[in-house]
Amino acid sequence: MNEEKVINTKTWQNMNVWKRGLAMLLFGFIAGFTRFIITMIALFQFICLLFTEKPNYPLVKFGQSLNTYLYQMNQFLTINSEIYPFPFADWPPSTSDKSPDVEACSNQDVDSGTEKV
């Protein structure tokens, strides 16, 4: 029992644990804000699709990298990764360099469920 008390005392005094806890708190707030930004991007992309029938491609790439960043934060928060996300690391690139395939969406008639010819 005396040994358990010594281990617990050392864990509480470990400065790295406290630093990680503070970083987890910070990244928890950043993750919430990031989810809000992703929702705003989704709404803007929907409006773009309504009026121009195509998405805003720079926002598609930014959305991809923002989703990757959110994934990195979630990995850090759930202690699946020891790597601190941005701003302690580089900003994540988008997952692909090619334009997204939205032809399938734009070729379907949403109301009737049939394809345009």
C-alpha atoms as a PDB file:
ATOM      1  CA  MET A   1       0.000   0.000   0.000  1.00  0.00           C
ATOM      2  CA  ASN A   2       2.871   2.331   0.775  1.00  0.00           C
ATOM      3  CA  GLU A   3       4.228   1.719  -2.746  1.00  0.00           C
ATOM      4  CA  GLU A   4       0.862   2.747  -4.342  1.00  0.00           C
ATOM      5  CA  LYS A   5       0.908   5.994  -2.393  1.00  0.00           C
ATOM      6  CA  VAL A   6       4.409   6.788  -3.658  1.00  0.00           C
ATOM      7  CA  ILE A   7       3.384   6.074  -7.286  1.00  0.00           C
ATOM      8  CA  ASN A   8       0.280   8.302  -6.996  1.00  0.00           C
ATOM      9  CA  THR A   9       2.282  11.097  -5.421  1.00  0.00           C
ATOM     10  CA  LYS A  10       4.836  10.960  -8.221  1.00  0.00           C
ATOM     11  CA  THR A  11       2.105  11.022 -10.882  1.00  0.00           C
ATOM     12  CA  TRP A  12       0.546  14.130  -9.357  1.00  0.00           C
ATOM     13  CA  GLN A  13       3.930  15.815  -9.233  1.00  0.00           C
ATOM     14  CA  ASN A  14       4.812  14.942 -12.834  1.00  0.00           C
ATOM     15  CA  MET A  15       4.842  18.254 -14.715  1.00  0.00           C
ATOM     16  CA  ASN A  16       4.390  16.542 -18.118  1.00  0.00           C
ATOM     17  CA  VAL A  17       1.020  15.158 -17.019  1.00  0.00           C
ATOM     18  CA  TRP A  18      -0.151  18.643 -16.036  1.00  0.00           C
ATOM     19  CA  LYS A  19       1.103  20.118 -19.318  1.00  0.00           C
ATOM     20  CA  ARG A  20      -0.783  17.483 -21.276  1.00  0.00           C
ATOM     21  CA  GLY A  21      -3.919  18.118 -19.208  1.00  0.00           C
ATOM     22  CA  LEU A  22      -3.736  21.831 -19.932  1.00  0.00           C
ATOM     23  CA  ALA A  23      -3.167  21.119 -23.631  1.00  0.00           C
ATOM     24  CA  MET A  24      -6.125  18.719 -23.649  1.00  0.00           C
ATOM     25  CA  LEU A  25      -8.354  21.406 -22.154  1.00  0.00           C
ATOM     26  CA  LEU A  26      -7.170  23.919 -24.751  1.00  0.00           C
ATOM     27  CA  PHE A  27      -7.613  21.498 -27.663  1.00  0.00           C
ATOM     28  CA  GLY A  28     -11.069  20.562 -26.380  1.00  0.00           C
ATOM     29  CA  PHE A  29     -12.183  24.182 -26.783  1.00  0.00           C
ATOM     30  CA  ILE A  30     -10.434  24.501 -30.154  1.00  0.00           C
ATOM     31  CA  ALA A  31     -12.154  21.302 -31.359  1.00  0.00           C
ATOM     32  CA  GLY A  32     -15.560  22.740 -30.493  1.00  0.00           C
ATOM     33  CA  PHE A  33     -14.802  25.928 -32.415  1.00  0.00           C
ATOM     34  CA  THR A  34     -13.482  23.858 -35.349  1.00  0.00           C
ATOM     35  CA  ARG A  35     -16.736  21.885 -35.497  1.00  0.00           C
ATOM     36  CA  PHE A  36     -18.608  25.199 -35.687  1.00  0.00           C
ATOM     37  CA  ILE A  37     -16.402  26.350 -38.588  1.00  0.00           C
ATOM     38  CA  ILE A  38     -17.004  23.043 -40.411  1.00  0.00           C
ATOM     39  CA  THR A  39     -20.759  23.566 -40.006  1.00  0.00           C
ATOM     40  CA  MET A  40     -20.467  27.078 -41.460  1.00  0.00           C
ATOM     41  CA  ILE A  41     -18.450  25.729 -44.405  1.00  0.00           C
ATOM     42  CA  ALA A  42     -21.117  23.071 -45.001  1.00  0.00           C
ATOM     43  CA  LEU A  43     -23.877  25.690 -45.055  1.00  0.00           C
ATOM     44  CA  PHE A  44     -21.908  27.938 -47.405  1.00  0.00           C
ATOM     45  CA  GLN A  45     -21.163  24.994 -49.711  1.00  0.00           C
ATOM     46  CA  PHE A  46     -24.869  24.140 -49.793  1.00  0.00           C
ATOM     47  CA  ILE A  47     -25.668  27.721 -50.806  1.00  0.00           C
ATOM     48  CA  CYS A  48     -22.988  27.526 -53.511  1.00  0.00           C
ATOM     49  CA  LEU A  49     -24.566  24.331 -54.818  1.00  0.00           C
ATOM     50  CA  LEU A  50     -27.996  25.965 -54.892  1.00  0.00           C
ATOM     51  CA  PHE A  51     -26.883  28.955 -56.944  1.00  0.00           C
ATOM     52  CA  THR A  52     -23.932  27.744 -59.014  1.00  0.00           C
ATOM     53  CA  GLU A  53     -24.520  23.958 -59.058  1.00  0.00           C
ATOM     54  CA  LYS A  54     -20.880  23.398 -58.095  1.00  0.00           C
ATOM     55  CA  PRO A  55     -18.961  23.664 -54.824  1.00  0.00           C
ATOM     56  CA  ASN A  56     -16.354  26.244 -53.925  1.00  0.00           C
ATOM     57  CA  TYR A  57     -13.167  24.204 -54.543  1.00  0.00           C
ATOM     58  CA  PRO A  58     -10.817  26.212 -52.292  1.00  0.00           C
ATOM     59  CA  LEU A  59     -13.276  25.648 -49.454  1.00  0.00           C
ATOM     60  CA  VAL A  60     -13.394  21.937 -50.297  1.00  0.00           C
ATOM     61  CA  LYS A  61      -9.621  21.710 -49.843  1.00  0.00           C
ATOM     62  CA  PHE A  62      -9.746  23.802 -46.661  1.00  0.00           C
ATOM     63  CA  GLY A  63     -12.560  21.616 -45.340  1.00  0.00           C
ATOM     64  CA  GLN A  64     -10.464  18.510 -45.986  1.00  0.00           C
ATOM     65  CA  SER A  65      -7.518  19.904 -44.055  1.00  0.00           C
ATOM     66  CA  LEU A  66      -9.820  21.158 -41.271  1.00  0.00           C
ATOM     67  CA  ASN A  67     -11.310  17.661 -40.942  1.00  0.00           C
ATOM     68  CA  THR A  68      -7.807  16.207 -40.762  1.00  0.00           C
ATOM     69  CA  TYR A  69      -6.940  18.736 -38.046  1.00  0.00           C
ATOM     70  CA  LEU A  70     -10.071  17.798 -36.100  1.00  0.00           C
ATOM     71  CA  TYR A  71      -9.108  14.125 -36.406  1.00  0.00           C
ATOM     72  CA  GLN A  72      -5.615  14.896 -35.078  1.00  0.00           C
ATOM     73  CA  MET A  73      -7.099  16.789 -32.123  1.00  0.00           C
ATOM     74  CA  ASN A  74      -9.481  13.929 -31.333  1.00  0.00           C
ATOM     75  CA  GLN A  75      -6.592  11.459 -31.476  1.00  0.00           C
ATOM     76  CA  PHE A  76      -4.652  13.630 -29.030  1.00  0.00           C
ATOM     77  CA  LEU A  77      -7.646  14.171 -26.727  1.00  0.00           C
ATOM     78  CA  THR A  78      -8.399  10.450 -26.488  1.00  0.00           C
ATOM     79  CA  ILE A  79      -4.702   9.719 -25.845  1.00  0.00           C
ATOM     80  CA  ASN A  80      -4.352   7.707 -29.051  1.00  0.00           C
ATOM     81  CA  SER A  81      -1.515  10.010 -30.080  1.00  0.00           C
ATOM     82  CA  GLU A  82       1.299  11.717 -28.241  1.00  0.00           C
ATOM     83  CA  ILE A  83       1.812  14.221 -31.064  1.00  0.00           C
ATOM     84  CA  TYR A  84       0.488  17.677 -30.242  1.00  0.00           C
ATOM     85  CA  PRO A  85      -1.661  19.087 -33.107  1.00  0.00           C
ATOM     86  CA  PHE A  86      -1.290  22.521 -34.710  1.00  0.00           C
ATOM     87  CA  PRO A  87       0.049  25.055 -33.526  1.00  0.00           C
ATOM     88  CA  PHE A  88       2.634  22.718 -31.991  1.00  0.00           C
ATOM     89  CA  ALA A  89       2.960  20.853 -35.308  1.00  0.00           C
ATOM     90  CA  ASP A  90       2.509  21.759 -38.972  1.00  0.00           C
ATOM     91  CA  TRP A  91      -0.964  22.455 -40.334  1.00  0.00           C
ATOM     92  CA  PRO A  92      -2.312  19.244 -41.924  1.00  0.00           C
ATOM     93  CA  PRO A  93      -2.544  19.218 -45.716  1.00  0.00           C
ATOM     94  CA  SER A  94      -5.750  18.278 -47.486  1.00  0.00           C
ATOM     95  CA  THR A  95      -6.101  14.538 -48.052  1.00  0.00           C
ATOM     96  CA  SER A  96      -5.892  14.735 -51.821  1.00  0.00           C
ATOM     97  CA  ASP A  97      -4.647  17.172 -54.410  1.00  0.00           C
ATOM     98  CA  LYS A  98      -7.336  16.402 -56.956  1.00  0.00           C
ATOM     99  CA  SER A  99     -10.679  18.154 -57.197  1.00  0.00           C
ATOM    100  CA  PRO A 100     -13.502  16.304 -55.470  1.00  0.00           C
ATOM    101  CA  ASP A 101     -15.889  14.259 -57.556  1.00  0.00           C
ATOM    102  CA  VAL A 102     -19.152  16.161 -57.391  1.00  0.00           C
ATOM    103  CA  GLU A 103     -20.304  15.149 -60.848  1.00  0.00           C
ATOM    104  CA  ALA A 104     -22.412  12.363 -59.353  1.00  0.00           C
ATOM    105  CA  CYS A 105     -24.258  14.886 -57.187  1.00  0.00           C
ATOM    106  CA  SER A 106     -24.780  17.435 -59.916  1.00  0.00           C
ATOM    107  CA  ASN A 107     -25.983  14.821 -62.450  1.00  0.00           C
ATOM    108  CA  GLN A 108     -28.862  13.657 -60.270  1.00  0.00           C
ATOM    109  CA  ASP A 109     -32.172  15.390 -60.080  1.00  0.00           C
ATOM    110  CA  VAL A 110     -32.747  15.631 -56.328  1.00  0.00           C
ATOM    111  CA  ASP A 111     -36.536  16.010 -56.543  1.00  0.00           C
ATOM    112  CA  SER A 112     -37.330  13.034 -58.734  1.00  0.00           C
ATOM    113  CA  GLY A 113     -34.271  10.859 -58.026  1.00  0.00           C
ATOM    114  CA  THR A 114     -33.559  10.440 -61.753  1.00  0.00           C
ATOM    115  CA  GLU A 115     -30.407  11.298 -63.622  1.00  0.00           C
ATOM    116  CA  LYS A 116     -30.160  14.191 -66.043  1.00  0.00           C
ATOM    117  CA  VAL A 117     -29.370  13.320 -69.623  1.00  0.00           C
END
